[in-house]
Amino acid sequence: MASIASAVQNLISSVVSIAASLVNSVLAVLQAVLALGQELLSSVLHLLGSFVEFIASLLQGTAGFMFANFFTILIVGGVYYWYTRQGGKQQIKKRT
């Protein structure tokens, strides 16, 4: 009987060990996903910071002032064009 009890004890020990390993594996994958997300967010923020720094350095001086005005007029014109094009596509409901 001692060998059966020992075998059952070894079986339970093995099952607990497998369960602990599975939990550790899931936690490791979760940690890797979170680290990837953190690195991705950090890289995107660094890219945006570099872009803002580039635009700020570009818009210094007289040439930058002229460029900023041209770009602003371009954006306003594009928004106006888009707004007028969208207004023409709306259907008017007739009352009967």
Protein backbone atom coordinates (compact mmCIF):
# COMPACT_ATOMS: atom_id res chain seq x y z
CA MET A 1 0.00 0.00 0.00
CA ALA A 2 2.90 2.30 0.58
CA SER A 3 3.77 2.26 -3.10
CA ILE A 4 0.21 3.24 -4.14
CA ALA A 5 0.19 6.18 -1.70
CA SER A 6 3.60 7.23 -2.95
CA ALA A 7 2.44 7.03 -6.57
CA VAL A 8 -0.67 9.12 -5.84
CA GLN A 9 1.47 11.66 -4.00
CA ASN A 10 3.86 11.86 -6.97
CA LEU A 11 0.90 12.25 -9.34
CA ILE A 12 -0.58 15.10 -7.32
CA SER A 13 2.83 16.75 -7.04
CA SER A 14 3.29 16.51 -10.81
CA VAL A 15 -0.17 17.94 -11.54
CA VAL A 16 0.46 20.87 -9.18
CA SER A 17 3.85 21.45 -10.79
CA ILE A 18 2.28 21.46 -14.28
CA ALA A 19 -0.43 23.90 -13.15
CA ALA A 20 2.18 26.21 -11.62
CA SER A 21 4.22 26.09 -14.83
CA LEU A 22 1.14 26.95 -16.90
CA VAL A 23 0.35 29.92 -14.65
CA ASN A 24 3.95 31.11 -14.91
CA SER A 25 3.84 30.77 -18.70
CA VAL A 26 0.62 32.77 -18.96
CA LEU A 27 2.06 35.48 -16.72
CA ALA A 28 5.25 35.60 -18.81
CA VAL A 29 3.25 36.02 -22.02
CA LEU A 30 1.15 38.76 -20.40
CA GLN A 31 4.30 40.53 -19.25
CA ALA A 32 5.77 40.32 -22.76
CA VAL A 33 2.59 41.77 -24.29
CA LEU A 34 2.58 44.63 -21.78
CA ALA A 35 6.26 45.32 -22.44
CA LEU A 36 5.56 45.40 -26.18
CA GLY A 37 2.71 47.86 -25.65
CA GLN A 38 4.89 50.06 -23.46
CA GLU A 39 7.71 50.07 -26.02
CA LEU A 40 5.30 50.79 -28.86
CA LEU A 41 3.72 53.70 -26.99
CA SER A 42 7.14 55.06 -26.07
CA SER A 43 8.28 54.87 -29.70
CA VAL A 44 5.14 56.60 -30.99
CA LEU A 45 5.50 59.39 -28.44
CA HIS A 46 9.16 59.82 -29.35
CA LEU A 47 8.23 59.97 -33.05
CA LEU A 48 5.57 62.61 -32.36
CA GLY A 49 8.05 64.61 -30.29
CA SER A 50 10.57 64.49 -33.12
CA PHE A 51 7.91 65.58 -35.61
CA VAL A 52 6.87 68.52 -33.42
CA GLU A 53 10.51 69.50 -33.00
CA PHE A 54 10.99 69.32 -36.78
CA ILE A 55 7.95 71.52 -37.42
CA ALA A 56 9.05 73.99 -34.73
CA SER A 57 12.50 74.31 -36.26
CA LEU A 58 10.97 74.61 -39.73
CA LEU A 59 8.66 77.45 -38.70
CA GLN A 60 11.37 79.74 -37.34
CA GLY A 61 12.26 82.93 -39.17
CA THR A 62 10.66 84.69 -42.13
CA ALA A 63 10.58 81.68 -44.43
CA GLY A 64 8.93 79.67 -41.69
CA PHE A 65 6.35 82.39 -41.16
CA MET A 66 5.52 82.37 -44.87
CA PHE A 67 5.36 78.58 -44.90
CA ALA A 68 3.05 78.54 -41.87
CA ASN A 69 0.69 81.03 -43.51
CA PHE A 70 0.65 79.04 -46.76
CA PHE A 71 0.02 75.82 -44.87
CA THR A 72 -2.80 77.43 -42.87
CA ILE A 73 -4.44 78.74 -46.04
CA LEU A 74 -4.08 75.27 -47.58
CA ILE A 75 -5.76 73.61 -44.59
CA VAL A 76 -8.59 76.17 -44.43
CA GLY A 77 -9.14 75.84 -48.19
CA GLY A 78 -9.22 72.05 -47.95
CA VAL A 79 -11.72 72.12 -45.10
CA TYR A 80 -13.89 74.61 -47.00
CA TYR A 81 -13.77 72.43 -50.13
CA TRP A 82 -14.65 69.31 -48.14
CA TYR A 83 -17.48 71.10 -46.34
CA THR A 84 -19.03 72.44 -49.54
CA ARG A 85 -18.72 69.05 -51.26
CA GLN A 86 -20.39 67.30 -48.33
CA GLY A 87 -23.24 69.82 -48.27
CA GLY A 88 -24.12 69.10 -51.90
CA LYS A 89 -24.48 65.35 -51.26
CA GLN A 90 -27.17 65.66 -48.61
CA GLN A 91 -30.62 64.74 -49.79
CA ILE A 92 -33.51 67.01 -48.99
CA LYS A 93 -36.60 65.24 -47.74
CA LYS A 94 -39.83 66.46 -49.29
CA ARG A 95 -42.87 66.91 -47.12
CA THR A 96 -46.03 65.46 -48.58
